[in-house]
Full PDB file with SEQRES, HELIX, SHEET, SSBOND, CRYST1, ORIGX, SCALE, CONECT and MASTER records, all heavy atoms in Angstrom:
SEQRES   1 A   36  LYS SER LEU ALA SER GLY ASN SER PRO GLU ILE LEU SER          
SEQRES   2 A   36  TRP LYS HIS ALA ILE ASN PHE LEU LYS ASP LYS ASP ILE          
SEQRES   3 A   36  ASN PHE ARG ILE PHE VAL SER LEU PRO THR                      
HELIX    1 AA1 GLU A   10  ASP A   23  1                                  14    
CRYST1    1.000    1.000    1.000  90.00  90.00  90.00 P 1           1          
ORIGX1      1.000000  0.000000  0.000000        0.00000                         
ORIGX2      0.000000  1.000000  0.000000        0.00000                         
ORIGX3      0.000000  0.000000  1.000000        0.00000                         
SCALE1      1.000000  0.000000  0.000000        0.00000                         
SCALE2      0.000000  1.000000  0.000000        0.00000                         
SCALE3      0.000000  0.000000  1.000000        0.00000                         
ATOM      1  N   LYS A   1      75.251  95.866 114.217  1.00  0.00           N  
ATOM      2  CA  LYS A   1      74.898  97.232 114.634  1.00  0.00           C  
ATOM      3  C   LYS A   1      75.641  98.281 113.802  1.00  0.00           C  
ATOM      4  O   LYS A   1      75.112  99.352 113.542  1.00  0.00           O  
ATOM      5  CB  LYS A   1      75.206  97.441 116.120  1.00  0.00           C  
ATOM      6  CG  LYS A   1      74.314  96.659 117.051  1.00  0.00           C  
ATOM      7  CD  LYS A   1      72.954  97.285 117.160  1.00  0.00           C  
ATOM      8  CE  LYS A   1      72.116  96.524 118.171  1.00  0.00           C  
ATOM      9  NZ  LYS A   1      70.712  96.881 118.095  1.00  0.00           N  
ATOM     10  N   SER A   2      76.857  97.950 113.367  1.00  0.00           N  
ATOM     11  CA  SER A   2      77.648  98.909 112.583  1.00  0.00           C  
ATOM     12  C   SER A   2      76.991  99.228 111.240  1.00  0.00           C  
ATOM     13  O   SER A   2      77.292 100.246 110.627  1.00  0.00           O  
ATOM     14  CB  SER A   2      79.063  98.372 112.343  1.00  0.00           C  
ATOM     15  OG  SER A   2      79.016  97.168 111.589  1.00  0.00           O  
ATOM     16  N   LEU A   3      76.075  98.362 110.784  1.00  0.00           N  
ATOM     17  CA  LEU A   3      75.363  98.599 109.520  1.00  0.00           C  
ATOM     18  C   LEU A   3      73.923  99.051 109.755  1.00  0.00           C  
ATOM     19  O   LEU A   3      73.120  99.054 108.839  1.00  0.00           O  
ATOM     20  CB  LEU A   3      75.367  97.317 108.666  1.00  0.00           C  
ATOM     21  CG  LEU A   3      76.731  96.807 108.229  1.00  0.00           C  
ATOM     22  CD1 LEU A   3      76.581  95.508 107.441  1.00  0.00           C  
ATOM     23  CD2 LEU A   3      77.466  97.854 107.405  1.00  0.00           C  
ATOM     24  N   ALA A   4      73.625  99.406 111.001  1.00  0.00           N  
ATOM     25  CA  ALA A   4      72.243  99.758 111.327  1.00  0.00           C  
ATOM     26  C   ALA A   4      72.103 101.158 111.921  1.00  0.00           C  
ATOM     27  O   ALA A   4      71.093 101.465 112.544  1.00  0.00           O  
ATOM     28  CB  ALA A   4      71.673  98.716 112.298  1.00  0.00           C  
ATOM     29  N   SER A   5      73.076 101.998 111.692  1.00  0.00           N  
ATOM     30  CA  SER A   5      72.965 103.367 112.200  1.00  0.00           C  
ATOM     31  C   SER A   5      72.352 104.260 111.125  1.00  0.00           C  
ATOM     32  O   SER A   5      72.264 103.875 109.962  1.00  0.00           O  
ATOM     33  CB  SER A   5      74.337 103.893 112.619  1.00  0.00           C  
ATOM     34  OG  SER A   5      75.120 104.161 111.484  1.00  0.00           O  
ATOM     35  N   GLY A   6      71.968 105.430 111.527  1.00  0.00           N  
ATOM     36  CA  GLY A   6      71.348 106.377 110.610  1.00  0.00           C  
ATOM     37  C   GLY A   6      72.264 106.851 109.497  1.00  0.00           C  
ATOM     38  O   GLY A   6      71.803 107.290 108.455  1.00  0.00           O  
ATOM     39  N   ASN A   7      73.567 106.733 109.698  1.00  0.00           N  
ATOM     40  CA  ASN A   7      74.495 107.179 108.654  1.00  0.00           C  
ATOM     41  C   ASN A   7      75.201 106.021 107.950  1.00  0.00           C  
ATOM     42  O   ASN A   7      76.165 106.236 107.230  1.00  0.00           O  
ATOM     43  CB  ASN A   7      75.510 108.181 109.222  1.00  0.00           C  
ATOM     44  CG  ASN A   7      76.301 107.612 110.376  1.00  0.00           C  
ATOM     45  OD1 ASN A   7      76.191 106.434 110.694  1.00  0.00           O  
ATOM     46  ND2 ASN A   7      77.087 108.456 111.025  1.00  0.00           N  
ATOM     47  N   SER A   8      74.736 104.797 108.150  1.00  0.00           N  
ATOM     48  CA  SER A   8      75.303 103.637 107.437  1.00  0.00           C  
ATOM     49  C   SER A   8      74.722 103.587 106.029  1.00  0.00           C  
ATOM     50  O   SER A   8      73.503 103.520 105.871  1.00  0.00           O  
ATOM     51  CB  SER A   8      74.944 102.340 108.154  1.00  0.00           C  
ATOM     52  OG  SER A   8      75.452 102.311 109.441  1.00  0.00           O  
ATOM     53  N   PRO A   9      75.570 103.597 105.007  1.00  0.00           N  
ATOM     54  CA  PRO A   9      75.051 103.504 103.638  1.00  0.00           C  
ATOM     55  C   PRO A   9      74.336 102.165 103.427  1.00  0.00           C  
ATOM     56  O   PRO A   9      74.859 101.110 103.799  1.00  0.00           O  
ATOM     57  CB  PRO A   9      76.308 103.594 102.771  1.00  0.00           C  
ATOM     58  CG  PRO A   9      77.365 104.168 103.653  1.00  0.00           C  
ATOM     59  CD  PRO A   9      77.014 103.754 105.042  1.00  0.00           C  
ATOM     60  N   GLU A  10      73.151 102.206 102.848  1.00  0.00           N  
ATOM     61  CA  GLU A  10      72.373 100.985 102.649  1.00  0.00           C  
ATOM     62  C   GLU A  10      73.108  99.976 101.770  1.00  0.00           C  
ATOM     63  O   GLU A  10      72.966  98.766 101.946  1.00  0.00           O  
ATOM     64  CB  GLU A  10      70.994 101.292 102.056  1.00  0.00           C  
ATOM     65  CG  GLU A  10      70.099 100.071 102.049  1.00  0.00           C  
ATOM     66  CD  GLU A  10      68.648 100.352 101.717  1.00  0.00           C  
ATOM     67  OE1 GLU A  10      68.286 101.524 101.520  1.00  0.00           O  
ATOM     68  OE2 GLU A  10      67.886  99.384 101.657  1.00  0.00           O  
ATOM     69  N   ILE A  11      73.941 100.456 100.869  1.00  0.00           N  
ATOM     70  CA  ILE A  11      74.681  99.558  99.978  1.00  0.00           C  
ATOM     71  C   ILE A  11      75.549  98.586 100.784  1.00  0.00           C  
ATOM     72  O   ILE A  11      75.739  97.432 100.393  1.00  0.00           O  
ATOM     73  CB  ILE A  11      75.542 100.350  98.949  1.00  0.00           C  
ATOM     74  CG1 ILE A  11      76.161  99.412  97.913  1.00  0.00           C  
ATOM     75  CG2 ILE A  11      76.627 101.147  99.635  1.00  0.00           C  
ATOM     76  CD1 ILE A  11      75.245  98.991  96.836  1.00  0.00           C  
ATOM     77  N   LEU A  12      76.047  99.021 101.944  1.00  0.00           N  
ATOM     78  CA  LEU A  12      76.850  98.120 102.783  1.00  0.00           C  
ATOM     79  C   LEU A  12      75.981  97.015 103.379  1.00  0.00           C  
ATOM     80  O   LEU A  12      76.438  95.873 103.528  1.00  0.00           O  
ATOM     81  CB  LEU A  12      77.563  98.910 103.879  1.00  0.00           C  
ATOM     82  CG  LEU A  12      78.586  99.939 103.397  1.00  0.00           C  
ATOM     83  CD1 LEU A  12      79.237 100.648 104.583  1.00  0.00           C  
ATOM     84  CD2 LEU A  12      79.637  99.297 102.503  1.00  0.00           C  
ATOM     85  N   SER A  13      74.749  97.335 103.699  1.00  0.00           N  
ATOM     86  CA  SER A  13      73.814  96.303 104.181  1.00  0.00           C  
ATOM     87  C   SER A  13      73.471  95.341 103.054  1.00  0.00           C  
ATOM     88  O   SER A  13      73.322  94.133 103.277  1.00  0.00           O  
ATOM     89  CB  SER A  13      72.543  96.950 104.738  1.00  0.00           C  
ATOM     90  OG  SER A  13      72.859  97.712 105.877  1.00  0.00           O  
ATOM     91  N   TRP A  14      73.362  95.869 101.845  1.00  0.00           N  
ATOM     92  CA  TRP A  14      73.118  95.007 100.675  1.00  0.00           C  
ATOM     93  C   TRP A  14      74.279  94.030 100.507  1.00  0.00           C  
ATOM     94  O   TRP A  14      74.075  92.832 100.307  1.00  0.00           O  
ATOM     95  CB  TRP A  14      72.959  95.845  99.416  1.00  0.00           C  
ATOM     96  CG  TRP A  14      71.704  96.647  99.319  1.00  0.00           C  
ATOM     97  CD1 TRP A  14      70.783  96.881 100.308  1.00  0.00           C  
ATOM     98  CD2 TRP A  14      71.231  97.336  98.169  1.00  0.00           C  
ATOM     99  NE1 TRP A  14      69.773  97.679  99.835  1.00  0.00           N  
ATOM    100  CE2 TRP A  14      70.023  97.975  98.519  1.00  0.00           C  
ATOM    101  CE3 TRP A  14      71.718  97.496  96.883  1.00  0.00           C  
ATOM    102  CZ2 TRP A  14      69.283  98.738  97.625  1.00  0.00           C  
ATOM    103  CZ3 TRP A  14      70.983  98.265  95.989  1.00  0.00           C  
ATOM    104  CH2 TRP A  14      69.774  98.869  96.355  1.00  0.00           C  
ATOM    105  N   LYS A  15      75.503  94.547 100.576  1.00  0.00           N  
ATOM    106  CA  LYS A  15      76.686  93.694 100.423  1.00  0.00           C  
ATOM    107  C   LYS A  15      76.732  92.639 101.530  1.00  0.00           C  
ATOM    108  O   LYS A  15      77.075  91.476 101.281  1.00  0.00           O  
ATOM    109  CB  LYS A  15      77.963  94.538 100.431  1.00  0.00           C  
ATOM    110  CG  LYS A  15      78.149  95.339  99.162  1.00  0.00           C  
ATOM    111  CD  LYS A  15      79.421  96.172  99.229  1.00  0.00           C  
ATOM    112  CE  LYS A  15      79.611  96.971  97.954  1.00  0.00           C  
ATOM    113  NZ  LYS A  15      80.853  97.749  97.963  1.00  0.00           N  
ATOM    114  N   HIS A  16      76.395  93.033 102.738  1.00  0.00           N  
ATOM    115  CA  HIS A  16      76.362  92.092 103.862  1.00  0.00           C  
ATOM    116  C   HIS A  16      75.363  90.973 103.583  1.00  0.00           C  
ATOM    117  O   HIS A  16      75.659  89.791 103.800  1.00  0.00           O  
ATOM    118  CB  HIS A  16      76.008  92.829 105.160  1.00  0.00           C  
ATOM    119  CG  HIS A  16      75.868  91.933 106.337  1.00  0.00           C  
ATOM    120  ND1 HIS A  16      74.645  91.468 106.776  1.00  0.00           N  
ATOM    121  CD2 HIS A  16      76.798  91.393 107.156  1.00  0.00           C  
ATOM    122  CE1 HIS A  16      74.828  90.692 107.825  1.00  0.00           C  
ATOM    123  NE2 HIS A  16      76.129  90.632 108.083  1.00  0.00           N  
ATOM    124  N   ALA A  17      74.188  91.315 103.075  1.00  0.00           N  
ATOM    125  CA  ALA A  17      73.157  90.319 102.774  1.00  0.00           C  
ATOM    126  C   ALA A  17      73.612  89.372 101.664  1.00  0.00           C  
ATOM    127  O   ALA A  17      73.422  88.147 101.747  1.00  0.00           O  
ATOM    128  CB  ALA A  17      71.854  91.014 102.389  1.00  0.00           C  
ATOM    129  N   ILE A  18      74.217  89.930 100.626  1.00  0.00           N  
ATOM    130  CA  ILE A  18      74.710  89.097  99.516  1.00  0.00           C  
ATOM    131  C   ILE A  18      75.778  88.136 100.025  1.00  0.00           C  
ATOM    132  O   ILE A  18      75.760  86.940  99.699  1.00  0.00           O  
ATOM    133  CB  ILE A  18      75.237  89.987  98.373  1.00  0.00           C  
ATOM    134  CG1 ILE A  18      74.071  90.711  97.693  1.00  0.00           C  
ATOM    135  CG2 ILE A  18      76.039  89.160  97.363  1.00  0.00           C  
ATOM    136  CD1 ILE A  18      74.486  91.840  96.770  1.00  0.00           C  
ATOM    137  N   ASN A  19      76.695  88.626 100.837  1.00  0.00           N  
ATOM    138  CA  ASN A  19      77.749  87.768 101.383  1.00  0.00           C  
ATOM    139  C   ASN A  19      77.178  86.704 102.317  1.00  0.00           C  
ATOM    140  O   ASN A  19      77.671  85.575 102.355  1.00  0.00           O  
ATOM    141  CB  ASN A  19      78.820  88.599 102.094  1.00  0.00           C  
ATOM    142  CG  ASN A  19      79.671  89.366 101.106  1.00  0.00           C  
ATOM    143  OD1 ASN A  19      79.875  88.940  99.972  1.00  0.00           O  
ATOM    144  ND2 ASN A  19      80.162  90.514 101.530  1.00  0.00           N  
ATOM    145  N   PHE A  20      76.137  87.047 103.045  1.00  0.00           N  
ATOM    146  CA  PHE A  20      75.457  86.079 103.913  1.00  0.00           C  
ATOM    147  C   PHE A  20      74.948  84.901 103.087  1.00  0.00           C  
ATOM    148  O   PHE A  20      75.151  83.743 103.450  1.00  0.00           O  
ATOM    149  CB  PHE A  20      74.298  86.773 104.646  1.00  0.00           C  
ATOM    150  CG  PHE A  20      73.472  85.859 105.497  1.00  0.00           C  
ATOM    151  CD1 PHE A  20      73.836  85.597 106.813  1.00  0.00           C  
ATOM    152  CD2 PHE A  20      72.315  85.267 104.998  1.00  0.00           C  
ATOM    153  CE1 PHE A  20      73.070  84.752 107.609  1.00  0.00           C  
ATOM    154  CE2 PHE A  20      71.545  84.424 105.781  1.00  0.00           C  
ATOM    155  CZ  PHE A  20      71.923  84.161 107.093  1.00  0.00           C  
ATOM    156  N   LEU A  21      74.308  85.198 101.954  1.00  0.00           N  
ATOM    157  CA  LEU A  21      73.804  84.130 101.090  1.00  0.00           C  
ATOM    158  C   LEU A  21      74.944  83.356 100.437  1.00  0.00           C  
ATOM    159  O   LEU A  21      74.888  82.122 100.355  1.00  0.00           O  
ATOM    160  CB  LEU A  21      72.854  84.687 100.025  1.00  0.00           C  
ATOM    161  CG  LEU A  21      71.374  84.683 100.419  1.00  0.00           C  
ATOM    162  CD1 LEU A  21      71.079  85.563 101.599  1.00  0.00           C  
ATOM    163  CD2 LEU A  21      70.517  85.043  99.244  1.00  0.00           C  
ATOM    164  N   LYS A  22      75.982  84.058  99.993  1.00  0.00           N  
ATOM    165  CA  LYS A  22      77.140  83.373  99.394  1.00  0.00           C  
ATOM    166  C   LYS A  22      77.758  82.389 100.383  1.00  0.00           C  
ATOM    167  O   LYS A  22      78.120  81.272 100.016  1.00  0.00           O  
ATOM    168  CB  LYS A  22      78.198  84.387  98.946  1.00  0.00           C  
ATOM    169  CG  LYS A  22      77.920  85.029  97.625  1.00  0.00           C  
ATOM    170  CD  LYS A  22      79.084  85.923  97.231  1.00  0.00           C  
ATOM    171  CE  LYS A  22      78.816  86.602  95.908  1.00  0.00           C  
ATOM    172  NZ  LYS A  22      79.898  87.517  95.534  1.00  0.00           N  
ATOM    173  N   ASP A  23      77.892  82.819 101.644  1.00  0.00           N  
ATOM    174  CA  ASP A  23      78.469  81.954 102.677  1.00  0.00           C  
ATOM    175  C   ASP A  23      77.636  80.694 102.893  1.00  0.00           C  
ATOM    176  O   ASP A  23      78.149  79.672 103.329  1.00  0.00           O  
ATOM    177  CB  ASP A  23      78.615  82.705 104.004  1.00  0.00           C  
ATOM    178  CG  ASP A  23      79.710  83.764 103.966  1.00  0.00           C  
ATOM    179  OD1 ASP A  23      80.522  83.771 103.009  1.00  0.00           O  
ATOM    180  OD2 ASP A  23      79.736  84.601 104.895  1.00  0.00           O  
ATOM    181  N   LYS A  24      76.354  80.775 102.606  1.00  0.00           N  
ATOM    182  CA  LYS A  24      75.456  79.622 102.736  1.00  0.00           C  
ATOM    183  C   LYS A  24      75.296  78.874 101.413  1.00  0.00           C  
ATOM    184  O   LYS A  24      74.459  77.992 101.304  1.00  0.00           O  
ATOM    185  CB  LYS A  24      74.105  80.069 103.274  1.00  0.00           C  
ATOM    186  CG  LYS A  24      74.190  80.648 104.679  1.00  0.00           C  
ATOM    187  CD  LYS A  24      72.849  80.667 105.327  1.00  0.00           C  
ATOM    188  CE  LYS A  24      72.930  81.065 106.771  1.00  0.00           C  
ATOM    189  NZ  LYS A  24      73.633  80.133 107.622  1.00  0.00           N  
ATOM    190  N   ASP A  25      76.087  79.287 100.428  1.00  0.00           N  
ATOM    191  CA  ASP A  25      76.057  78.683  99.090  1.00  0.00           C  
ATOM    192  C   ASP A  25      74.661  78.787  98.453  1.00  0.00           C  
ATOM    193  O   ASP A  25      74.181  77.858  97.810  1.00  0.00           O  
ATOM    194  CB  ASP A  25      76.526  77.225  99.145  1.00  0.00           C  
ATOM    195  CG  ASP A  25      77.104  76.777  97.813  1.00  0.00           C  
ATOM    196  OD1 ASP A  25      77.613  77.627  97.057  1.00  0.00           O  
ATOM    197  OD2 ASP A  25      77.018  75.573  97.517  1.00  0.00           O  
ATOM    198  N   ILE A  26      74.017  79.930  98.666  1.00  0.00           N  
ATOM    199  CA  ILE A  26      72.710  80.212  98.066  1.00  0.00           C  
ATOM    200  C   ILE A  26      72.952  81.158  96.900  1.00  0.00           C  
ATOM    201  O   ILE A  26      73.452  82.266  97.082  1.00  0.00           O  
ATOM    202  CB  ILE A  26      71.743  80.856  99.081  1.00  0.00           C  
ATOM    203  CG1 ILE A  26      71.517  79.896 100.259  1.00  0.00           C  
ATOM    204  CG2 ILE A  26      70.430  81.232  98.417  1.00  0.00           C  
ATOM    205  CD1 ILE A  26      70.734  80.505 101.414  1.00  0.00           C  
ATOM    206  N   ASN A  27      72.608  80.701  95.707  1.00  0.00           N  
ATOM    207  CA  ASN A  27      72.853  81.481  94.502  1.00  0.00           C  
ATOM    208  C   ASN A  27      71.567  82.101  93.978  1.00  0.00           C  
ATOM    209  O   ASN A  27      70.486  81.543  94.158  1.00  0.00           O  
ATOM    210  CB  ASN A  27      73.476  80.593  93.423  1.00  0.00           C  
ATOM    211  CG  ASN A  27      74.793  80.020  93.879  1.00  0.00           C  
ATOM    212  OD1 ASN A  27      75.673  80.753  94.304  1.00  0.00           O  
ATOM    213  ND2 ASN A  27      74.926  78.706  93.812  1.00  0.00           N  
ATOM    214  N   PHE A  28      71.721  83.220  93.314  1.00  0.00           N  
ATOM    215  CA  PHE A  28      70.587  83.895  92.685  1.00  0.00           C  
ATOM    216  C   PHE A  28      71.110  84.828  91.620  1.00  0.00           C  
ATOM    217  O   PHE A  28      72.287  85.173  91.602  1.00  0.00           O  
ATOM    218  CB  PHE A  28      69.746  84.646  93.727  1.00  0.00           C  
ATOM    219  CG  PHE A  28      70.488  85.730  94.455  1.00  0.00           C  
ATOM    220  CD1 PHE A  28      70.385  87.047  94.059  1.00  0.00           C  
ATOM    221  CD2 PHE A  28      71.288  85.426  95.547  1.00  0.00           C  
ATOM    222  CE1 PHE A  28      71.063  88.041  94.737  1.00  0.00           C  
ATOM    223  CE2 PHE A  28      71.967  86.418  96.232  1.00  0.00           C  
ATOM    224  CZ  PHE A  28      71.859  87.726  95.825  1.00  0.00           C  
ATOM    225  N   ARG A  29      70.238  85.207  90.717  1.00  0.00           N  
ATOM    226  CA  ARG A  29      70.625  86.108  89.628  1.00  0.00           C  
ATOM    227  C   ARG A  29      70.076  87.525  89.820  1.00  0.00           C  
ATOM    228  O   ARG A  29      70.648  88.486  89.335  1.00  0.00           O  
ATOM    229  CB  ARG A  29      70.138  85.553  88.294  1.00  0.00           C  
ATOM    230  CG  ARG A  29      70.860  84.286  87.873  1.00  0.00           C  
ATOM    231  CD  ARG A  29      70.412  83.835  86.511  1.00  0.00           C  
ATOM    232  NE  ARG A  29      70.345  84.954  85.584  1.00  0.00           N  
ATOM    233  CZ  ARG A  29      71.174  85.157  84.566  1.00  0.00           C  
ATOM    234  NH1 ARG A  29      72.125  84.302  84.333  1.00  0.00           N  
ATOM    235  NH2 ARG A  29      71.026  86.180  83.782  1.00  0.00           N  
ATOM    236  N   ILE A  30      68.927  87.627  90.481  1.00  0.00           N  
ATOM    237  CA  ILE A  30      68.289  88.943  90.622  1.00  0.00           C  
ATOM    238  C   ILE A  30      68.087  89.265  92.098  1.00  0.00           C  
ATOM    239  O   ILE A  30      67.533  88.471  92.854  1.00  0.00           O  
ATOM    240  CB  ILE A  30      66.947  88.991  89.866  1.00  0.00           C  
ATOM    241  CG1 ILE A  30      67.193  88.785  88.370  1.00  0.00           C  
ATOM    242  CG2 ILE A  30      66.226  90.315  90.125  1.00  0.00           C  
ATOM    243  CD1 ILE A  30      65.930  88.719  87.537  1.00  0.00           C  
ATOM    244  N   PHE A  31      68.546  90.451  92.485  1.00  0.00           N  
ATOM    245  CA  PHE A  31      68.443  90.993  93.840  1.00  0.00           C  
ATOM    246  C   PHE A  31      67.329  92.038  93.818  1.00  0.00           C  
ATOM    247  O   PHE A  31      67.391  92.993  93.052  1.00  0.00           O  
ATOM    248  CB  PHE A  31      69.783  91.649  94.182  1.00  0.00           C  
ATOM    249  CG  PHE A  31      69.836  92.424  95.460  1.00  0.00           C  
ATOM    250  CD1 PHE A  31      70.495  91.903  96.552  1.00  0.00           C  
ATOM    251  CD2 PHE A  31      69.269  93.683  95.559  1.00  0.00           C  
ATOM    252  CE1 PHE A  31      70.594  92.626  97.736  1.00  0.00           C  
ATOM    253  CE2 PHE A  31      69.354  94.415  96.730  1.00  0.00           C  
ATOM    254  CZ  PHE A  31      70.020  93.875  97.834  1.00  0.00           C  
ATOM    255  N   VAL A  32      66.322  91.855  94.640  1.00  0.00           N  
ATOM    256  CA  VAL A  32      65.232  92.829  94.738  1.00  0.00           C  
ATOM    257  C   VAL A  32      65.177  93.328  96.176  1.00  0.00           C  
ATOM    258  O   VAL A  32      65.129  92.532  97.112  1.00  0.00           O  
ATOM    259  CB  VAL A  32      63.867  92.202  94.347  1.00  0.00           C  
ATOM    260  CG1 VAL A  32      62.731  93.182  94.572  1.00  0.00           C  
ATOM    261  CG2 VAL A  32      63.888  91.721  92.907  1.00  0.00           C  
ATOM    262  N   SER A  33      65.194  94.630  96.344  1.00  0.00           N  
ATOM    263  CA  SER A  33      65.042  95.239  97.666  1.00  0.00           C  
ATOM    264  C   SER A  33      63.669  95.887  97.748  1.00  0.00           C  
ATOM    265  O   SER A  33      63.323  96.713  96.897  1.00  0.00           O  
ATOM    266  CB  SER A  33      66.139  96.285  97.893  1.00  0.00           C  
ATOM    267  OG  SER A  33      65.930  96.957  99.116  1.00  0.00           O  
ATOM    268  N   LEU A  34      62.901  95.482  98.752  1.00  0.00           N  
ATOM    269  CA  LEU A  34      61.566  96.056  98.951  1.00  0.00           C  
ATOM    270  C   LEU A  34      61.560  96.878 100.238  1.00  0.00           C  
ATOM    271  O   LEU A  34      61.511  96.312 101.337  1.00  0.00           O  
ATOM    272  CB  LEU A  34      60.499  94.954  99.056  1.00  0.00           C  
ATOM    273  CG  LEU A  34      60.230  94.119  97.826  1.00  0.00           C  
ATOM    274  CD1 LEU A  34      59.097  93.125  98.105  1.00  0.00           C  
ATOM    275  CD2 LEU A  34      59.871  94.985  96.634  1.00  0.00           C  
ATOM    276  N   PRO A  35      61.625  98.192 100.146  1.00  0.00           N  
ATOM    277  CA  PRO A  35      61.569  99.020 101.353  1.00  0.00           C  
ATOM    278  C   PRO A  35      60.236  98.864 102.090  1.00  0.00           C  
ATOM    279  O   PRO A  35      59.185  98.695 101.470  1.00  0.00           O  
ATOM    280  CB  PRO A  35      61.718 100.450 100.819  1.00  0.00           C  
ATOM    281  CG  PRO A  35      62.316 100.292  99.461  1.00  0.00           C  
ATOM    282  CD  PRO A  35      61.821  98.984  98.931  1.00  0.00           C  
ATOM    283  N   THR A  36      60.317  98.925 103.393  1.00  0.00           N  
ATOM    284  CA  THR A  36      59.095  98.809 104.200  1.00  0.00           C  
ATOM    285  C   THR A  36      58.220 100.051 104.075  1.00  0.00           C  
ATOM    286  O   THR A  36      57.031  99.990 104.355  1.00  0.00           O  
ATOM    287  CB  THR A  36      59.431  98.610 105.690  1.00  0.00           C  
ATOM    288  OG1 THR A  36      60.196  99.720 106.137  1.00  0.00           O  
ATOM    289  CG2 THR A  36      60.196  97.333 105.911  1.00  0.00           C  
TER     290      THR A  36                                                      
MASTER        0    0    0    1    0    0    0    6  289    1    0    3          
END                                                                             
């Protein structure tokens, strides 16, 4: 929830997502964000 408020910088959500994949040992070279 702390990353889902109207004033949460999206970059922090990006970092959270990257760390989520790192924790699962999922590697990638290119990060693509597709806004809804």
